[in-house]
Amino acid sequence: MLAGFSRPSAGQILWNGHDISQSGIFHQYKLQLNWLSLKDAVKEKFTVLDNVQWFEVLEGKHGKSLPALELMGLGRLAKDKARMLSMGQRKRLQLARLLAIDRPIWLLDEPSVALDDEGVRLLEYIIAEHRKKGGIVIVATHLPIQIEDAMNLRLPPRFPRRMTLVDMLDRADIA
């Protein structure tokens, strides 16, 4: 809903006091939004640097791609084809895009998936730095990420889990 893919079944999502479901408001809101998902949108035939610069050009920005890649530990791979990257490196590439595009609201869906311990520390660092500059970060995750002064929202399961054979055996009074 925050990314605009669906509407709330009740209530409103307000941005600067305005309902984002209104088309003119949503257009302004989405220009403030940067979304990271499990689908990485990495163009395999592009270089690592081109994969970040392409998004930067779409934003009318320039000059932040290489520093973002270097911060994320990918500077030495900047001229390599993206098809050579591991899953963790692909995730770091996505995070470098966040930094290069530099929008104030980050929606991060499972941002630590495929990252090693160092990658998770880098993720925590860039989140902290973004928040220090007044940025907003909303994270959906199943894995622990250290975020100072985070507000946690735990949602109930959307669908009840089906009973498994193990559940049935646990409940059975077998003697």
C-alpha atoms as a PDB file:
ATOM      1  CA  MET A   1       0.000   0.000   0.000  1.00  0.00           C
ATOM      2  CA  LEU A   2       2.832   2.402   0.840  1.00  0.00           C
ATOM      3  CA  ALA A   3       4.344   1.798  -2.593  1.00  0.00           C
ATOM      4  CA  GLY A   4       0.979   2.406  -4.240  1.00  0.00           C
ATOM      5  CA  PHE A   5       0.414  -1.146  -5.514  1.00  0.00           C
ATOM      6  CA  SER A   6      -2.876  -1.505  -3.660  1.00  0.00           C
ATOM      7  CA  ARG A   7      -5.319   0.696  -1.775  1.00  0.00           C
ATOM      8  CA  PRO A   8      -6.137   0.321   1.912  1.00  0.00           C
ATOM      9  CA  SER A   9      -9.397  -1.508   2.599  1.00  0.00           C
ATOM     10  CA  ALA A  10     -10.087   1.071   5.318  1.00  0.00           C
ATOM     11  CA  GLY A  11      -8.549   4.396   6.293  1.00  0.00           C
ATOM     12  CA  GLN A  12      -6.064   6.510   4.377  1.00  0.00           C
ATOM     13  CA  ILE A  13      -2.350   6.802   3.813  1.00  0.00           C
ATOM     14  CA  LEU A  14      -1.409  10.432   4.285  1.00  0.00           C
ATOM     15  CA  TRP A  15       1.705  12.150   3.024  1.00  0.00           C
ATOM     16  CA  ASN A  16       2.148  15.740   4.178  1.00  0.00           C
ATOM     17  CA  GLY A  17      -1.472  15.626   5.294  1.00  0.00           C
ATOM     18  CA  HIS A  18      -2.838  14.541   1.895  1.00  0.00           C
ATOM     19  CA  ASP A  19      -4.333  11.198   0.855  1.00  0.00           C
ATOM     20  CA  ILE A  20      -1.860   9.499  -1.512  1.00  0.00           C
ATOM     21  CA  SER A  21      -4.713   7.789  -3.377  1.00  0.00           C
ATOM     22  CA  GLN A  22      -5.404  11.115  -5.113  1.00  0.00           C
ATOM     23  CA  SER A  23      -3.527  11.019  -8.420  1.00  0.00           C
ATOM     24  CA  GLY A  24      -1.781  14.397  -8.192  1.00  0.00           C
ATOM     25  CA  ILE A  25      -0.728  13.705  -4.615  1.00  0.00           C
ATOM     26  CA  PHE A  26       0.469  10.188  -5.440  1.00  0.00           C
ATOM     27  CA  HIS A  27       2.670  11.513  -8.257  1.00  0.00           C
ATOM     28  CA  GLN A  28       4.370  13.954  -5.844  1.00  0.00           C
ATOM     29  CA  TYR A  29       4.659  11.265  -3.155  1.00  0.00           C
ATOM     30  CA  LYS A  30       6.217   8.633  -5.428  1.00  0.00           C
ATOM     31  CA  LEU A  31       8.935  11.115  -6.436  1.00  0.00           C
ATOM     32  CA  GLN A  32      10.024  11.016  -2.771  1.00  0.00           C
ATOM     33  CA  LEU A  33       9.943   7.219  -2.616  1.00  0.00           C
ATOM     34  CA  ASN A  34      12.665   4.667  -3.240  1.00  0.00           C
ATOM     35  CA  TRP A  35      11.606   1.025  -3.170  1.00  0.00           C
ATOM     36  CA  LEU A  36      13.864  -2.011  -2.839  1.00  0.00           C
ATOM     37  CA  SER A  37      12.380  -5.474  -3.348  1.00  0.00           C
ATOM     38  CA  LEU A  38      13.510  -9.054  -3.791  1.00  0.00           C
ATOM     39  CA  LYS A  39      13.316  -8.497  -7.553  1.00  0.00           C
ATOM     40  CA  ASP A  40      16.574  -6.666  -8.099  1.00  0.00           C
ATOM     41  CA  ALA A  41      16.069  -5.163 -11.600  1.00  0.00           C
ATOM     42  CA  VAL A  42      19.750  -5.749 -12.341  1.00  0.00           C
ATOM     43  CA  LYS A  43      20.487  -5.651 -16.051  1.00  0.00           C
ATOM     44  CA  GLU A  44      22.915  -8.553 -16.530  1.00  0.00           C
ATOM     45  CA  LYS A  45      24.486  -7.196 -19.755  1.00  0.00           C
ATOM     46  CA  PHE A  46      25.221  -3.797 -18.166  1.00  0.00           C
ATOM     47  CA  THR A  47      28.288  -3.157 -16.075  1.00  0.00           C
ATOM     48  CA  VAL A  48      27.847  -2.798 -12.331  1.00  0.00           C
ATOM     49  CA  LEU A  49      28.396   0.961 -12.659  1.00  0.00           C
ATOM     50  CA  ASP A  50      25.929   1.255 -15.565  1.00  0.00           C
ATOM     51  CA  ASN A  51      23.273  -0.475 -13.460  1.00  0.00           C
ATOM     52  CA  VAL A  52      23.464   2.352 -10.926  1.00  0.00           C
ATOM     53  CA  GLN A  53      24.068   5.208 -13.386  1.00  0.00           C
ATOM     54  CA  TRP A  54      21.062   4.216 -15.501  1.00  0.00           C
ATOM     55  CA  PHE A  55      18.751   4.869 -12.543  1.00  0.00           C
ATOM     56  CA  GLU A  56      20.661   8.031 -11.682  1.00  0.00           C
ATOM     57  CA  VAL A  57      20.164   9.368 -15.238  1.00  0.00           C
ATOM     58  CA  LEU A  58      16.430   8.653 -15.002  1.00  0.00           C
ATOM     59  CA  GLU A  59      16.417  10.879 -11.908  1.00  0.00           C
ATOM     60  CA  GLY A  60      18.325  13.677 -13.645  1.00  0.00           C
ATOM     61  CA  LYS A  61      21.189  13.213 -11.196  1.00  0.00           C
ATOM     62  CA  HIS A  62      24.828  12.334 -11.655  1.00  0.00           C
ATOM     63  CA  GLY A  63      28.060  11.773  -9.766  1.00  0.00           C
ATOM     64  CA  LYS A  64      26.854   9.586  -6.894  1.00  0.00           C
ATOM     65  CA  SER A  65      27.008   6.153  -8.547  1.00  0.00           C
ATOM     66  CA  LEU A  66      30.688   5.331  -8.110  1.00  0.00           C
ATOM     67  CA  PRO A  67      30.915   6.637  -4.514  1.00  0.00           C
ATOM     68  CA  ALA A  68      27.783   4.597  -3.677  1.00  0.00           C
ATOM     69  CA  LEU A  69      29.317   1.458  -5.196  1.00  0.00           C
ATOM     70  CA  GLU A  70      32.551   2.053  -3.310  1.00  0.00           C
ATOM     71  CA  LEU A  71      30.710   2.483  -0.016  1.00  0.00           C
ATOM     72  CA  MET A  72      28.862  -0.789  -0.641  1.00  0.00           C
ATOM     73  CA  GLY A  73      32.153  -2.596  -1.361  1.00  0.00           C
ATOM     74  CA  LEU A  74      31.617  -2.903  -5.125  1.00  0.00           C
ATOM     75  CA  GLY A  75      34.002  -0.212  -6.410  1.00  0.00           C
ATOM     76  CA  ARG A  76      36.513  -2.749  -7.722  1.00  0.00           C
ATOM     77  CA  LEU A  77      33.717  -4.441  -9.707  1.00  0.00           C
ATOM     78  CA  ALA A  78      32.354  -1.252 -11.295  1.00  0.00           C
ATOM     79  CA  LYS A  79      33.488  -2.156 -14.830  1.00  0.00           C
ATOM     80  CA  ASP A  80      32.487  -5.847 -14.584  1.00  0.00           C
ATOM     81  CA  LYS A  81      29.284  -7.178 -16.125  1.00  0.00           C
ATOM     82  CA  ALA A  82      26.517  -7.528 -13.562  1.00  0.00           C
ATOM     83  CA  ARG A  83      25.911 -11.154 -14.586  1.00  0.00           C
ATOM     84  CA  MET A  84      29.111 -12.030 -12.675  1.00  0.00           C
ATOM     85  CA  LEU A  85      27.759 -10.835  -9.319  1.00  0.00           C
ATOM     86  CA  SER A  86      26.787 -13.149  -6.481  1.00  0.00           C
ATOM     87  CA  MET A  87      23.369 -12.733  -4.850  1.00  0.00           C
ATOM     88  CA  GLY A  88      24.907 -10.741  -1.999  1.00  0.00           C
ATOM     89  CA  GLN A  89      26.698  -8.451  -4.456  1.00  0.00           C
ATOM     90  CA  ARG A  90      23.449  -7.956  -6.377  1.00  0.00           C
ATOM     91  CA  LYS A  91      21.787  -6.861  -3.121  1.00  0.00           C
ATOM     92  CA  ARG A  92      24.681  -4.451  -2.473  1.00  0.00           C
ATOM     93  CA  LEU A  93      24.141  -3.095  -5.998  1.00  0.00           C
ATOM     94  CA  GLN A  94      20.484  -2.428  -5.144  1.00  0.00           C
ATOM     95  CA  LEU A  95      21.564  -0.624  -1.976  1.00  0.00           C
ATOM     96  CA  ALA A  96      24.064   1.460  -3.972  1.00  0.00           C
ATOM     97  CA  ARG A  97      21.122   2.564  -6.155  1.00  0.00           C
ATOM     98  CA  LEU A  98      19.282   3.746  -3.046  1.00  0.00           C
ATOM     99  CA  LEU A  99      22.277   5.897  -2.163  1.00  0.00           C
ATOM    100  CA  ALA A 100      22.817   7.265  -5.668  1.00  0.00           C
ATOM    101  CA  ILE A 101      19.175   8.162  -6.262  1.00  0.00           C
ATOM    102  CA  ASP A 102      18.929   9.695  -2.792  1.00  0.00           C
ATOM    103  CA  ARG A 103      15.189   9.982  -2.215  1.00  0.00           C
ATOM    104  CA  PRO A 104      13.912  10.772   1.301  1.00  0.00           C
ATOM    105  CA  ILE A 105      11.581   7.772   1.801  1.00  0.00           C
ATOM    106  CA  TRP A 106      12.972   4.242   1.579  1.00  0.00           C
ATOM    107  CA  LEU A 107      10.666   1.213   1.436  1.00  0.00           C
ATOM    108  CA  LEU A 108      12.834  -1.851   1.915  1.00  0.00           C
ATOM    109  CA  ASP A 109      11.417  -5.330   1.429  1.00  0.00           C
ATOM    110  CA  GLU A 110      13.729  -7.957   2.961  1.00  0.00           C
ATOM    111  CA  PRO A 111      16.856  -5.798   2.440  1.00  0.00           C
ATOM    112  CA  SER A 112      19.226  -8.134   4.299  1.00  0.00           C
ATOM    113  CA  VAL A 113      18.387 -11.287   2.320  1.00  0.00           C
ATOM    114  CA  ALA A 114      21.573 -12.663   0.665  1.00  0.00           C
ATOM    115  CA  LEU A 115      23.862 -10.260   2.578  1.00  0.00           C
ATOM    116  CA  ASP A 116      26.755 -11.573   4.641  1.00  0.00           C
ATOM    117  CA  ASP A 117      27.466 -10.141   8.115  1.00  0.00           C
ATOM    118  CA  GLU A 118      29.537  -7.271   6.685  1.00  0.00           C
ATOM    119  CA  GLY A 119      26.764  -6.493   4.204  1.00  0.00           C
ATOM    120  CA  VAL A 120      24.182  -6.361   7.003  1.00  0.00           C
ATOM    121  CA  ARG A 121      26.431  -3.953   8.947  1.00  0.00           C
ATOM    122  CA  LEU A 122      26.683  -1.755   5.836  1.00  0.00           C
ATOM    123  CA  LEU A 123      22.899  -1.868   5.480  1.00  0.00           C
ATOM    124  CA  GLU A 124      22.487  -0.831   9.117  1.00  0.00           C
ATOM    125  CA  TYR A 125      25.027   1.966   8.582  1.00  0.00           C
ATOM    126  CA  ILE A 126      23.338   3.422   5.482  1.00  0.00           C
ATOM    127  CA  ILE A 127      19.938   3.257   7.197  1.00  0.00           C
ATOM    128  CA  ALA A 128      21.343   5.120  10.221  1.00  0.00           C
ATOM    129  CA  GLU A 129      22.967   7.759   8.000  1.00  0.00           C
ATOM    130  CA  HIS A 130      19.807   8.221   5.950  1.00  0.00           C
ATOM    131  CA  ARG A 131      17.771   8.718   9.125  1.00  0.00           C
ATOM    132  CA  LYS A 132      20.333  11.221  10.506  1.00  0.00           C
ATOM    133  CA  LYS A 133      19.695  13.340   7.377  1.00  0.00           C
ATOM    134  CA  GLY A 134      15.950  13.277   8.087  1.00  0.00           C
ATOM    135  CA  GLY A 135      15.137  10.336   5.826  1.00  0.00           C
ATOM    136  CA  ILE A 136      12.352   7.859   6.496  1.00  0.00           C
ATOM    137  CA  VAL A 137      13.028   4.118   6.311  1.00  0.00           C
ATOM    138  CA  ILE A 138      10.304   1.471   6.378  1.00  0.00           C
ATOM    139  CA  VAL A 139      11.605  -2.099   6.484  1.00  0.00           C
ATOM    140  CA  ALA A 140       9.701  -5.353   6.050  1.00  0.00           C
ATOM    141  CA  THR A 141      11.933  -8.169   7.232  1.00  0.00           C
ATOM    142  CA  HIS A 142      12.071 -11.601   8.796  1.00  0.00           C
ATOM    143  CA  LEU A 143      15.755 -11.221   9.682  1.00  0.00           C
ATOM    144  CA  PRO A 144      17.115  -9.015  12.465  1.00  0.00           C
ATOM    145  CA  ILE A 145      18.415  -5.578  11.480  1.00  0.00           C
ATOM    146  CA  GLN A 146      19.684  -3.182  14.139  1.00  0.00           C
ATOM    147  CA  ILE A 147      17.974   0.182  13.746  1.00  0.00           C
ATOM    148  CA  GLU A 148      18.287   2.631  16.623  1.00  0.00           C
ATOM    149  CA  ASP A 149      14.960   3.923  17.981  1.00  0.00           C
ATOM    150  CA  ALA A 150      13.021   1.789  15.507  1.00  0.00           C
ATOM    151  CA  MET A 151       9.276   1.449  15.821  1.00  0.00           C
ATOM    152  CA  ASN A 152       8.299  -2.194  15.299  1.00  0.00           C
ATOM    153  CA  LEU A 153       4.953  -3.228  13.907  1.00  0.00           C
ATOM    154  CA  ARG A 154       4.249  -6.941  14.047  1.00  0.00           C
ATOM    155  CA  LEU A 155       1.369  -7.965  11.838  1.00  0.00           C
ATOM    156  CA  PRO A 156      -0.759 -11.027  12.511  1.00  0.00           C
ATOM    157  CA  PRO A 157      -0.481 -13.891  10.043  1.00  0.00           C
ATOM    158  CA  ARG A 158      -2.532 -13.139   6.959  1.00  0.00           C
ATOM    159  CA  PHE A 159      -3.631 -16.716   6.546  1.00  0.00           C
ATOM    160  CA  PRO A 160      -3.673 -19.341   9.266  1.00  0.00           C
ATOM    161  CA  ARG A 161      -0.909 -21.889   8.907  1.00  0.00           C
ATOM    162  CA  ARG A 162      -2.096 -25.339   7.915  1.00  0.00           C
ATOM    163  CA  MET A 163      -1.606 -28.092  10.416  1.00  0.00           C
ATOM    164  CA  THR A 164       1.313 -30.347   9.517  1.00  0.00           C
ATOM    165  CA  LEU A 165       1.884 -33.995  10.359  1.00  0.00           C
ATOM    166  CA  VAL A 166       4.282 -32.889  13.103  1.00  0.00           C
ATOM    167  CA  ASP A 167       1.537 -30.685  14.618  1.00  0.00           C
ATOM    168  CA  MET A 168      -0.885 -33.619  14.558  1.00  0.00           C
ATOM    169  CA  LEU A 169       1.619 -35.944  16.228  1.00  0.00           C
ATOM    170  CA  ASP A 170       2.368 -33.318  18.896  1.00  0.00           C
ATOM    171  CA  ARG A 171      -1.341 -33.085  19.693  1.00  0.00           C
ATOM    172  CA  ALA A 172      -1.964 -36.825  19.639  1.00  0.00           C
ATOM    173  CA  ASP A 173      -2.080 -38.611  22.931  1.00  0.00           C
ATOM    174  CA  ILE A 174       0.181 -41.462  21.885  1.00  0.00           C
ATOM    175  CA  ALA A 175       1.465 -43.545  24.735  1.00  0.00           C
END
